[in-house]
Amino acid sequence: MAKKEPYFPVFAPVVHDHLRAIDAKYDSLIRAKIEEQLTHEPDVQSRNRKPVRPPAAFQAEWELRFGPNNRFRVFYQIDRENRQVRIVAIGEKDRKRLLVGGEEVTL
């Protein structure tokens, strides 16, 4: 059985601002989870990876949840033709609020 080519994460420019709003001690966790969860089969639904219902914030197609108490959210789109996962937003969940770039976002 032939091994499938991996997907490559591509970060939208605004995502760097989103990451700056999150405590720097989580940078390596966030990057590791993106690599681990979205490199192979980013379009397979799991307990912590789900399609989002339109209309979705940031035009995201999928959401990945992880971290302590599933506090982090990565929103992304999949470009199957170019084998890319486009990260469009990264946020932090605080109870019922989602903060992206330090600002509350309604989903």
N, C-alpha and C. Protein backbone atom coordinates (compact mmCIF):
# COMPACT_ATOMS: atom_id res chain seq x y z
N MET A 1 0.84 -1.18 0.00
CA MET A 1 0.00 0.00 0.00
C MET A 1 0.89 1.24 0.00
N ALA A 2 0.64 2.13 -0.91
CA ALA A 2 1.45 3.35 -1.05
C ALA A 2 1.14 4.32 0.09
N LYS A 3 2.19 4.93 0.59
CA LYS A 3 2.04 5.90 1.66
C LYS A 3 1.58 7.23 1.06
N LYS A 4 0.57 7.83 1.68
CA LYS A 4 0.05 9.10 1.19
C LYS A 4 1.02 10.23 1.53
N GLU A 5 1.06 11.19 0.63
CA GLU A 5 1.88 12.38 0.87
C GLU A 5 1.29 13.16 2.03
N PRO A 6 2.13 13.72 2.88
CA PRO A 6 1.61 14.49 4.01
C PRO A 6 1.07 15.85 3.57
N TYR A 7 0.22 16.40 4.42
CA TYR A 7 -0.24 17.77 4.24
C TYR A 7 0.74 18.69 4.96
N PHE A 8 0.88 19.90 4.46
CA PHE A 8 1.78 20.86 5.08
C PHE A 8 0.97 22.01 5.65
N PRO A 9 1.22 22.39 6.90
CA PRO A 9 0.50 23.52 7.46
C PRO A 9 1.01 24.84 6.89
N VAL A 10 0.07 25.70 6.54
CA VAL A 10 0.38 27.04 6.04
C VAL A 10 -0.41 27.99 6.93
N PHE A 11 0.29 28.93 7.55
CA PHE A 11 -0.34 29.85 8.49
C PHE A 11 -0.73 31.14 7.79
N ALA A 12 -1.99 31.54 7.95
CA ALA A 12 -2.42 32.85 7.46
C ALA A 12 -1.64 33.90 8.25
N PRO A 13 -1.28 35.03 7.62
CA PRO A 13 -0.48 36.04 8.31
C PRO A 13 -1.05 36.49 9.66
N VAL A 14 -2.37 36.59 9.76
CA VAL A 14 -2.99 37.06 11.00
C VAL A 14 -2.81 36.07 12.17
N VAL A 15 -2.53 34.83 11.87
CA VAL A 15 -2.37 33.81 12.91
C VAL A 15 -1.19 34.13 13.83
N HIS A 16 -0.18 34.78 13.31
CA HIS A 16 0.97 35.14 14.16
C HIS A 16 0.53 36.11 15.26
N ASP A 17 -0.43 36.99 14.96
CA ASP A 17 -0.99 37.87 15.99
C ASP A 17 -1.79 37.06 17.00
N HIS A 18 -2.50 36.06 16.52
CA HIS A 18 -3.28 35.21 17.43
C HIS A 18 -2.35 34.50 18.41
N LEU A 19 -1.23 34.00 17.91
CA LEU A 19 -0.27 33.29 18.77
C LEU A 19 0.36 34.23 19.81
N ARG A 20 0.59 35.48 19.43
CA ARG A 20 1.18 36.43 20.39
C ARG A 20 0.25 36.69 21.57
N ALA A 21 -1.06 36.53 21.37
CA ALA A 21 -2.03 36.77 22.43
C ALA A 21 -2.13 35.59 23.40
N ILE A 22 -1.51 34.46 23.06
CA ILE A 22 -1.53 33.26 23.91
C ILE A 22 -0.19 33.19 24.64
N ASP A 23 -0.23 32.78 25.89
CA ASP A 23 0.98 32.66 26.71
C ASP A 23 2.05 31.87 25.94
N ALA A 24 3.25 32.44 25.84
CA ALA A 24 4.34 31.86 25.05
C ALA A 24 4.72 30.45 25.48
N LYS A 25 4.43 30.07 26.71
CA LYS A 25 4.80 28.73 27.16
C LYS A 25 4.02 27.64 26.41
N TYR A 26 2.96 28.02 25.71
CA TYR A 26 2.17 27.04 24.96
C TYR A 26 2.56 26.96 23.48
N ASP A 27 3.49 27.78 23.03
CA ASP A 27 3.88 27.79 21.61
C ASP A 27 4.28 26.41 21.10
N SER A 28 5.15 25.74 21.84
CA SER A 28 5.63 24.43 21.36
C SER A 28 4.51 23.40 21.36
N LEU A 29 3.61 23.45 22.34
CA LEU A 29 2.47 22.53 22.37
C LEU A 29 1.58 22.76 21.15
N ILE A 30 1.28 24.00 20.86
CA ILE A 30 0.40 24.33 19.73
C ILE A 30 1.02 23.86 18.42
N ARG A 31 2.29 24.17 18.22
CA ARG A 31 2.95 23.76 16.97
C ARG A 31 3.05 22.24 16.85
N ALA A 32 3.34 21.57 17.97
CA ALA A 32 3.45 20.10 17.95
C ALA A 32 2.11 19.46 17.63
N LYS A 33 1.04 19.97 18.21
CA LYS A 33 -0.29 19.39 17.94
C LYS A 33 -0.73 19.63 16.50
N ILE A 34 -0.42 20.79 15.96
CA ILE A 34 -0.76 21.05 14.56
C ILE A 34 -0.02 20.04 13.68
N GLU A 35 1.26 19.85 13.95
CA GLU A 35 2.06 18.89 13.18
C GLU A 35 1.52 17.47 13.34
N GLU A 36 1.24 17.08 14.55
CA GLU A 36 0.78 15.72 14.85
C GLU A 36 -0.60 15.42 14.29
N GLN A 37 -1.52 16.36 14.44
CA GLN A 37 -2.92 16.11 14.11
C GLN A 37 -3.31 16.45 12.68
N LEU A 38 -2.59 17.38 12.05
CA LEU A 38 -3.05 17.87 10.75
C LEU A 38 -2.15 17.49 9.58
N THR A 39 -1.06 16.80 9.82
CA THR A 39 -0.16 16.40 8.73
C THR A 39 -0.74 15.24 7.92
N HIS A 40 -1.40 14.32 8.60
CA HIS A 40 -2.00 13.16 7.94
C HIS A 40 -3.49 13.12 8.25
N GLU A 41 -4.29 13.00 7.23
CA GLU A 41 -5.74 12.89 7.34
C GLU A 41 -6.38 14.02 8.15
N PRO A 42 -6.15 15.27 7.77
CA PRO A 42 -6.75 16.39 8.50
C PRO A 42 -8.27 16.48 8.32
N ASP A 43 -8.79 15.69 7.36
CA ASP A 43 -10.23 15.71 7.09
C ASP A 43 -10.96 14.50 7.66
N VAL A 44 -10.34 13.81 8.61
CA VAL A 44 -10.99 12.68 9.26
C VAL A 44 -11.49 13.14 10.63
N GLN A 45 -12.78 13.02 10.83
CA GLN A 45 -13.38 13.47 12.07
C GLN A 45 -12.95 12.57 13.23
N SER A 46 -12.68 13.19 14.37
CA SER A 46 -12.33 12.45 15.58
C SER A 46 -12.97 13.16 16.77
N ARG A 47 -12.65 12.71 17.95
CA ARG A 47 -13.22 13.30 19.15
C ARG A 47 -12.88 14.80 19.26
N ASN A 48 -11.68 15.17 18.86
CA ASN A 48 -11.23 16.56 18.99
C ASN A 48 -10.99 17.27 17.67
N ARG A 49 -11.44 16.66 16.58
CA ARG A 49 -11.28 17.28 15.26
C ARG A 49 -12.61 17.13 14.54
N LYS A 50 -13.23 18.29 14.25
CA LYS A 50 -14.58 18.24 13.68
C LYS A 50 -14.78 19.30 12.62
N PRO A 51 -15.65 19.01 11.65
CA PRO A 51 -16.01 20.07 10.70
C PRO A 51 -16.86 21.11 11.43
N VAL A 52 -16.73 22.36 11.03
CA VAL A 52 -17.54 23.42 11.64
C VAL A 52 -18.73 23.71 10.75
N ARG A 53 -19.80 24.15 11.39
CA ARG A 53 -21.02 24.44 10.64
C ARG A 53 -20.97 25.85 10.05
N PRO A 54 -21.32 25.98 8.79
CA PRO A 54 -21.34 27.32 8.20
C PRO A 54 -22.50 28.13 8.76
N PRO A 55 -22.43 29.43 8.79
CA PRO A 55 -21.24 30.21 8.44
C PRO A 55 -20.26 30.19 9.60
N ALA A 56 -19.04 29.86 9.34
CA ALA A 56 -18.03 29.73 10.37
C ALA A 56 -17.14 30.97 10.41
N ALA A 57 -16.70 31.29 11.62
CA ALA A 57 -15.76 32.40 11.76
C ALA A 57 -14.50 32.10 10.97
N PHE A 58 -13.91 33.10 10.37
CA PHE A 58 -12.65 32.99 9.63
C PHE A 58 -12.76 32.10 8.40
N GLN A 59 -13.97 31.77 7.98
CA GLN A 59 -14.21 30.87 6.83
C GLN A 59 -13.56 29.51 7.05
N ALA A 60 -13.49 29.10 8.31
CA ALA A 60 -12.89 27.80 8.64
C ALA A 60 -13.82 26.67 8.23
N GLU A 61 -13.22 25.55 7.84
CA GLU A 61 -13.98 24.35 7.50
C GLU A 61 -13.92 23.34 8.64
N TRP A 62 -12.80 23.36 9.40
CA TRP A 62 -12.56 22.37 10.45
C TRP A 62 -12.03 23.05 11.71
N GLU A 63 -12.22 22.35 12.83
CA GLU A 63 -11.74 22.82 14.13
C GLU A 63 -11.01 21.68 14.82
N LEU A 64 -9.85 22.01 15.39
CA LEU A 64 -9.08 21.06 16.19
C LEU A 64 -9.03 21.60 17.61
N ARG A 65 -9.37 20.74 18.59
CA ARG A 65 -9.33 21.13 20.00
C ARG A 65 -8.25 20.32 20.69
N PHE A 66 -7.52 20.96 21.62
CA PHE A 66 -6.47 20.24 22.36
C PHE A 66 -5.98 21.09 23.52
N GLY A 67 -5.07 20.53 24.28
CA GLY A 67 -4.45 21.25 25.39
C GLY A 67 -5.15 20.97 26.70
N PRO A 68 -4.68 21.59 27.77
CA PRO A 68 -5.31 21.40 29.08
C PRO A 68 -6.79 21.79 29.01
N ASN A 69 -7.67 20.87 29.37
CA ASN A 69 -9.12 21.08 29.31
C ASN A 69 -9.61 21.48 27.92
N ASN A 70 -8.90 21.02 26.90
CA ASN A 70 -9.25 21.36 25.51
C ASN A 70 -9.39 22.86 25.31
N ARG A 71 -8.48 23.62 25.89
CA ARG A 71 -8.61 25.08 25.89
C ARG A 71 -8.22 25.73 24.57
N PHE A 72 -7.44 25.06 23.73
CA PHE A 72 -6.99 25.67 22.49
C PHE A 72 -7.82 25.20 21.30
N ARG A 73 -8.02 26.11 20.36
CA ARG A 73 -8.76 25.82 19.14
C ARG A 73 -7.92 26.27 17.94
N VAL A 74 -7.81 25.38 16.98
CA VAL A 74 -7.17 25.71 15.71
C VAL A 74 -8.23 25.55 14.63
N PHE A 75 -8.47 26.61 13.88
CA PHE A 75 -9.46 26.59 12.81
C PHE A 75 -8.71 26.55 11.48
N TYR A 76 -9.15 25.68 10.59
CA TYR A 76 -8.40 25.50 9.35
C TYR A 76 -9.26 25.13 8.17
N GLN A 77 -8.64 25.29 6.99
CA GLN A 77 -9.22 24.89 5.71
C GLN A 77 -8.27 23.87 5.09
N ILE A 78 -8.81 23.01 4.26
CA ILE A 78 -7.99 21.97 3.62
C ILE A 78 -7.92 22.22 2.12
N ASP A 79 -6.71 22.27 1.60
CA ASP A 79 -6.47 22.39 0.16
C ASP A 79 -5.93 21.02 -0.29
N ARG A 80 -6.83 20.15 -0.72
CA ARG A 80 -6.44 18.78 -1.08
C ARG A 80 -5.51 18.74 -2.31
N GLU A 81 -5.78 19.62 -3.25
CA GLU A 81 -4.99 19.63 -4.49
C GLU A 81 -3.51 19.93 -4.21
N ASN A 82 -3.25 20.89 -3.33
CA ASN A 82 -1.87 21.26 -3.01
C ASN A 82 -1.36 20.62 -1.73
N ARG A 83 -2.17 19.75 -1.13
CA ARG A 83 -1.80 19.04 0.11
C ARG A 83 -1.38 20.02 1.20
N GLN A 84 -2.24 21.04 1.41
CA GLN A 84 -1.97 22.03 2.44
C GLN A 84 -3.13 22.13 3.41
N VAL A 85 -2.79 22.40 4.65
CA VAL A 85 -3.78 22.74 5.66
C VAL A 85 -3.54 24.20 5.99
N ARG A 86 -4.50 25.04 5.65
CA ARG A 86 -4.35 26.48 5.88
C ARG A 86 -4.95 26.84 7.24
N ILE A 87 -4.07 27.20 8.17
CA ILE A 87 -4.50 27.58 9.51
C ILE A 87 -4.99 29.02 9.42
N VAL A 88 -6.28 29.25 9.71
CA VAL A 88 -6.86 30.58 9.55
C VAL A 88 -7.05 31.30 10.89
N ALA A 89 -7.04 30.55 12.00
CA ALA A 89 -7.18 31.18 13.32
C ALA A 89 -6.76 30.20 14.40
N ILE A 90 -6.20 30.76 15.48
CA ILE A 90 -5.87 29.97 16.67
C ILE A 90 -6.39 30.76 17.86
N GLY A 91 -7.16 30.08 18.69
CA GLY A 91 -7.76 30.76 19.83
C GLY A 91 -7.66 29.95 21.10
N GLU A 92 -8.13 30.60 22.16
CA GLU A 92 -8.09 30.00 23.49
C GLU A 92 -9.48 30.10 24.09
N LYS A 93 -9.99 28.97 24.53
CA LYS A 93 -11.33 28.90 25.12
C LYS A 93 -11.22 29.18 26.61
N ASP A 94 -12.04 30.07 27.11
CA ASP A 94 -12.11 30.40 28.53
C ASP A 94 -13.56 30.26 28.93
N ARG A 95 -13.88 29.13 29.50
CA ARG A 95 -15.26 28.76 29.83
C ARG A 95 -16.11 28.80 28.56
N LYS A 96 -17.03 29.72 28.46
CA LYS A 96 -17.90 29.77 27.27
C LYS A 96 -17.45 30.81 26.26
N ARG A 97 -16.31 31.45 26.52
CA ARG A 97 -15.80 32.48 25.62
C ARG A 97 -14.63 31.94 24.80
N LEU A 98 -14.58 32.33 23.54
CA LEU A 98 -13.44 32.00 22.68
C LEU A 98 -12.70 33.29 22.39
N LEU A 99 -11.41 33.32 22.77
CA LEU A 99 -10.58 34.49 22.54
C LEU A 99 -9.61 34.20 21.40
N VAL A 100 -9.64 35.02 20.38
CA VAL A 100 -8.74 34.89 19.24
C VAL A 100 -8.02 36.23 19.10
N GLY A 101 -6.71 36.21 19.27
CA GLY A 101 -5.96 37.45 19.21
C GLY A 101 -6.32 38.39 20.34
N GLY A 102 -6.75 37.83 21.47
CA GLY A 102 -7.12 38.63 22.63
C GLY A 102 -8.53 39.20 22.59
N GLU A 103 -9.25 38.94 21.51
CA GLU A 103 -10.62 39.46 21.37
C GLU A 103 -11.61 38.31 21.34
N GLU A 104 -12.76 38.55 21.95
CA GLU A 104 -13.80 37.52 21.98
C GLU A 104 -14.43 37.35 20.60
N VAL A 105 -14.61 36.09 20.21
CA VAL A 105 -15.19 35.77 18.90
C VAL A 105 -16.44 34.92 19.13
N THR A 106 -17.47 35.21 18.37
CA THR A 106 -18.70 34.43 18.43
C THR A 106 -18.68 33.43 17.28
N LEU A 107 -18.95 32.18 17.63
CA LEU A 107 -18.99 31.14 16.59
C LEU A 107 -20.39 30.86 16.14
